[in-house]
PDB file of N, CA and C in Angstrom:
ATOM      1  N   MET A   1     118.705 101.506   9.658  1.00  0.00           N
ATOM      2  CA  MET A   1     120.112 101.201   9.332  1.00  0.00           C
ATOM      3  C   MET A   1     120.885 102.433   9.487  1.00  0.00           C
ATOM      4  N   ASN A   2     120.448 103.544   9.047  1.00  0.00           N
ATOM      5  CA  ASN A   2     121.271 104.792   9.241  1.00  0.00           C
ATOM      6  C   ASN A   2     121.392 105.245  10.736  1.00  0.00           C
ATOM      7  N   GLU A   3     120.369 104.972  11.450  1.00  0.00           N
ATOM      8  CA  GLU A   3     120.399 105.218  12.859  1.00  0.00           C
ATOM      9  C   GLU A   3     121.444 104.517  13.626  1.00  0.00           C
ATOM     10  N   ILE A   4     121.748 103.256  13.161  1.00  0.00           N
ATOM     11  CA  ILE A   4     122.735 102.410  13.748  1.00  0.00           C
ATOM     12  C   ILE A   4     124.068 103.053  13.511  1.00  0.00           C
ATOM     13  N   LYS A   5     124.405 103.461  12.332  1.00  0.00           N
ATOM     14  CA  LYS A   5     125.552 104.032  11.921  1.00  0.00           C
ATOM     15  C   LYS A   5     125.855 105.425  12.574  1.00  0.00           C
ATOM     16  N   VAL A   6     124.779 106.129  12.774  1.00  0.00           N
ATOM     17  CA  VAL A   6     124.874 107.417  13.507  1.00  0.00           C
ATOM     18  C   VAL A   6     125.231 107.163  15.023  1.00  0.00           C
ATOM     19  N   ASN A   7     124.638 106.044  15.583  1.00  0.00           N
ATOM     20  CA  ASN A   7     124.975 105.662  16.927  1.00  0.00           C
ATOM     21  C   ASN A   7     126.391 105.186  17.095  1.00  0.00           C
ATOM     22  N   GLU A   8     126.946 104.394  16.121  1.00  0.00           N
ATOM     23  CA  GLU A   8     128.230 103.948  16.076  1.00  0.00           C
ATOM     24  C   GLU A   8     129.251 105.178  15.951  1.00  0.00           C
ATOM     25  N   LYS A   9     128.894 106.124  15.059  1.00  0.00           N
ATOM     26  CA  LYS A   9     129.790 107.300  15.052  1.00  0.00           C
ATOM     27  C   LYS A   9     129.906 108.130  16.320  1.00  0.00           C
ATOM     28  N   THR A  10     128.685 108.232  16.976  1.00  0.00           N
ATOM     29  CA  THR A  10     128.564 108.998  18.224  1.00  0.00           C
ATOM     30  C   THR A  10     129.373 108.344  19.163  1.00  0.00           C
ATOM     31  N   ASN A  11     129.202 106.977  19.258  1.00  0.00           N
ATOM     32  CA  ASN A  11     130.024 106.233  20.261  1.00  0.00           C
ATOM     33  C   ASN A  11     131.521 106.408  20.015  1.00  0.00           C
ATOM     34  N   GLU A  12     131.927 106.376  18.712  1.00  0.00           N
ATOM     35  CA  GLU A  12     133.402 106.502  18.379  1.00  0.00           C
ATOM     36  C   GLU A  12     133.915 107.948  18.831  1.00  0.00           C
ATOM     37  N   LEU A  13     133.086 108.965  18.668  1.00  0.00           N
ATOM     38  CA  LEU A  13     133.431 110.341  18.954  1.00  0.00           C
ATOM     39  C   LEU A  13     133.663 110.425  20.520  1.00  0.00           C
ATOM     40  N   ASN A  14     132.545 109.842  21.209  1.00  0.00           N
ATOM     41  CA  ASN A  14     132.607 109.922  22.665  1.00  0.00           C
ATOM     42  C   ASN A  14     133.801 109.242  23.223  1.00  0.00           C
ATOM     43  N   LYS A  15     134.222 108.135  22.670  1.00  0.00           N
ATOM     44  CA  LYS A  15     135.303 107.446  23.104  1.00  0.00           C
ATOM     45  C   LYS A  15     136.577 108.265  22.865  1.00  0.00           C
ATOM     46  N   LYS A  16     136.688 108.898  21.711  1.00  0.00           N
ATOM     47  CA  LYS A  16     137.800 109.790  21.431  1.00  0.00           C
ATOM     48  C   LYS A  16     137.921 110.875  22.355  1.00  0.00           C
ATOM     49  N   ILE A  17     136.795 111.608  22.728  1.00  0.00           N
ATOM     50  CA  ILE A  17     136.655 112.625  23.589  1.00  0.00           C
ATOM     51  C   ILE A  17     137.144 112.232  25.025  1.00  0.00           C
ATOM     52  N   HIS A  18     136.735 111.101  25.492  1.00  0.00           N
ATOM     53  CA  HIS A  18     137.196 110.447  26.734  1.00  0.00           C
ATOM     54  C   HIS A  18     138.713 110.175  26.659  1.00  0.00           C
ATOM     55  N   GLU A  19     139.154 109.782  25.648  1.00  0.00           N
ATOM     56  CA  GLU A  19     140.592 109.424  25.531  1.00  0.00           C
ATOM     57  C   GLU A  19     141.456 110.684  25.618  1.00  0.00           C
ATOM     58  N   LEU A  20     140.824 111.839  25.198  1.00  0.00           N
ATOM     59  CA  LEU A  20     141.581 113.157  25.334  1.00  0.00           C
ATOM     60  C   LEU A  20     141.510 113.614  26.689  1.00  0.00           C
ATOM     61  N   GLY A  21     140.657 113.115  27.641  1.00  0.00           N
ATOM     62  CA  GLY A  21     140.569 113.531  28.939  1.00  0.00           C
ATOM     63  C   GLY A  21     139.340 114.424  29.175  1.00  0.00           C
ATOM     64  N   PHE A  22     138.411 114.472  28.355  1.00  0.00           N
ATOM     65  CA  PHE A  22     137.281 115.302  28.575  1.00  0.00           C
ATOM     66  C   PHE A  22     136.054 114.352  29.038  1.00  0.00           C
ATOM     67  N   ASP A  23     135.254 114.938  29.824  1.00  0.00           N
ATOM     68  CA  ASP A  23     134.144 114.107  30.316  1.00  0.00           C
ATOM     69  C   ASP A  23     132.920 114.023  29.376  1.00  0.00           C
ATOM     70  N   SER A  24     132.718 115.066  28.562  1.00  0.00           N
ATOM     71  CA  SER A  24     131.575 115.092  27.559  1.00  0.00           C
ATOM     72  C   SER A  24     131.955 115.836  26.386  1.00  0.00           C
ATOM     73  N   GLU A  25     131.087 115.819  25.400  1.00  0.00           N
ATOM     74  CA  GLU A  25     131.216 116.554  24.116  1.00  0.00           C
ATOM     75  C   GLU A  25     131.239 118.049  24.337  1.00  0.00           C
ATOM     76  N   SER A  26     130.279 118.331  25.395  1.00  0.00           N
ATOM     77  CA  SER A  26     130.109 119.870  25.661  1.00  0.00           C
ATOM     78  C   SER A  26     131.389 120.464  26.329  1.00  0.00           C
ATOM     79  N   GLU A  27     131.985 119.655  27.081  1.00  0.00           N
ATOM     80  CA  GLU A  27     133.263 120.033  27.786  1.00  0.00           C
ATOM     81  C   GLU A  27     134.304 120.239  26.691  1.00  0.00           C
ATOM     82  N   TYR A  28     134.438 119.272  25.609  1.00  0.00           N
ATOM     83  CA  TYR A  28     135.334 119.382  24.676  1.00  0.00           C
ATOM     84  C   TYR A  28     135.185 120.656  23.813  1.00  0.00           C
ATOM     85  N   LYS A  29     133.821 120.820  23.410  1.00  0.00           N
ATOM     86  CA  LYS A  29     133.456 121.967  22.641  1.00  0.00           C
ATOM     87  C   LYS A  29     133.907 123.397  23.436  1.00  0.00           C
ATOM     88  N   LEU A  30     133.729 123.395  24.735  1.00  0.00           N
ATOM     89  CA  LEU A  30     134.051 124.513  25.566  1.00  0.00           C
ATOM     90  C   LEU A  30     135.658 124.667  25.463  1.00  0.00           C
ATOM     91  N   TYR A  31     136.350 123.756  25.519  1.00  0.00           N
ATOM     92  CA  TYR A  31     137.776 123.656  25.433  1.00  0.00           C
ATOM     93  C   TYR A  31     138.215 124.255  24.009  1.00  0.00           C
ATOM     94  N   LEU A  32     137.544 123.878  23.055  1.00  0.00           N
ATOM     95  CA  LEU A  32     137.967 124.363  21.633  1.00  0.00           C
ATOM     96  C   LEU A  32     137.582 125.773  21.554  1.00  0.00           C
ATOM     97  N   GLN A  33     136.449 126.311  22.159  1.00  0.00           N
ATOM     98  CA  GLN A  33     136.089 127.722  22.062  1.00  0.00           C
ATOM     99  C   GLN A  33     137.138 128.590  22.773  1.00  0.00           C
ATOM    100  N   ILE A  34     137.577 128.159  24.024  1.00  0.00           N
ATOM    101  CA  ILE A  34     138.599 128.860  24.753  1.00  0.00           C
ATOM    102  C   ILE A  34     139.882 128.793  23.921  1.00  0.00           C
ATOM    103  N   LYS A  35     140.276 127.729  23.433  1.00  0.00           N
ATOM    104  CA  LYS A  35     141.476 127.683  22.553  1.00  0.00           C
ATOM    105  C   LYS A  35     141.418 128.668  21.439  1.00  0.00           C
ATOM    106  N   GLU A  36     140.305 128.684  20.670  1.00  0.00           N
ATOM    107  CA  GLU A  36     140.110 129.595  19.539  1.00  0.00           C
ATOM    108  C   GLU A  36     140.195 131.095  20.071  1.00  0.00           C
ATOM    109  N   SER A  37     139.635 131.314  21.132  1.00  0.00           N
ATOM    110  CA  SER A  37     139.576 132.643  21.794  1.00  0.00           C
ATOM    111  C   SER A  37     141.066 133.098  22.067  1.00  0.00           C
ATOM    112  N   LEU A  38     141.789 132.210  22.689  1.00  0.00           N
ATOM    113  CA  LEU A  38     143.195 132.524  23.124  1.00  0.00           C
ATOM    114  C   LEU A  38     144.020 132.878  21.804  1.00  0.00           C
ATOM    115  N   LYS A  39     143.805 132.143  20.763  1.00  0.00           N
ATOM    116  CA  LYS A  39     144.491 132.172  19.403  1.00  0.00           C
ATOM    117  C   LYS A  39     144.179 133.564  18.942  1.00  0.00           C
ATOM    118  N   GLN A  40     142.862 134.080  18.945  1.00  0.00           N
ATOM    119  CA  GLN A  40     142.596 135.365  18.489  1.00  0.00           C
ATOM    120  C   GLN A  40     143.220 136.461  19.388  1.00  0.00           C
ATOM    121  N   LYS A  41     143.299 136.261  20.632  1.00  0.00           N
ATOM    122  CA  LYS A  41     143.890 137.323  21.471  1.00  0.00           C
ATOM    123  C   LYS A  41     145.455 137.310  21.194  1.00  0.00           C
ATOM    124  N   ILE A  42     146.061 136.323  20.893  1.00  0.00           N
ATOM    125  CA  ILE A  42     147.407 136.272  20.660  1.00  0.00           C
ATOM    126  C   ILE A  42     147.707 137.089  19.369  1.00  0.00           C
ATOM    127  N   VAL A  43     146.923 136.708  18.284  1.00  0.00           N
ATOM    128  CA  VAL A  43     147.035 137.509  17.099  1.00  0.00           C
ATOM    129  C   VAL A  43     146.844 138.955  17.190  1.00  0.00           C
ATOM    130  N   ILE A  44     145.831 139.286  17.998  1.00  0.00           N
ATOM    131  CA  ILE A  44     145.545 140.693  18.183  1.00  0.00           C
ATOM    132  C   ILE A  44     146.732 141.268  19.005  1.00  0.00           C
ATOM    133  N   GLY A  45     147.369 140.598  19.974  1.00  0.00           N
ATOM    134  CA  GLY A  45     148.455 141.128  20.645  1.00  0.00           C
ATOM    135  C   GLY A  45     149.657 141.293  19.781  1.00  0.00           C
ATOM    136  N   ILE A  46     149.964 140.373  18.735  1.00  0.00           N
ATOM    137  CA  ILE A  46     151.032 140.490  17.989  1.00  0.00           C
ATOM    138  C   ILE A  46     150.986 141.530  17.012  1.00  0.00           C
ATOM    139  N   ALA A  47     149.703 141.695  16.447  1.00  0.00           N
ATOM    140  CA  ALA A  47     149.390 142.800  15.503  1.00  0.00           C
ATOM    141  C   ALA A  47     149.504 144.253  16.208  1.00  0.00           C
ATOM    142  N   SER A  48     149.329 144.347  17.402  1.00  0.00           N
ATOM    143  CA  SER A  48     149.296 145.687  18.002  1.00  0.00           C
ATOM    144  C   SER A  48     150.679 146.162  18.573  1.00  0.00           C
TER     145      SER A  48
END
């Protein structure tokens, strides 16, 4: 029963990722890492 719910949630997540224009969850995670890295660089730039 729980396995079915997990699969449904995974399918929903993958659908949302594809709607955002990414091919896979790993591509989306890479995008988030780059976005966070850029935020940190901007904050450092403002602080200096």
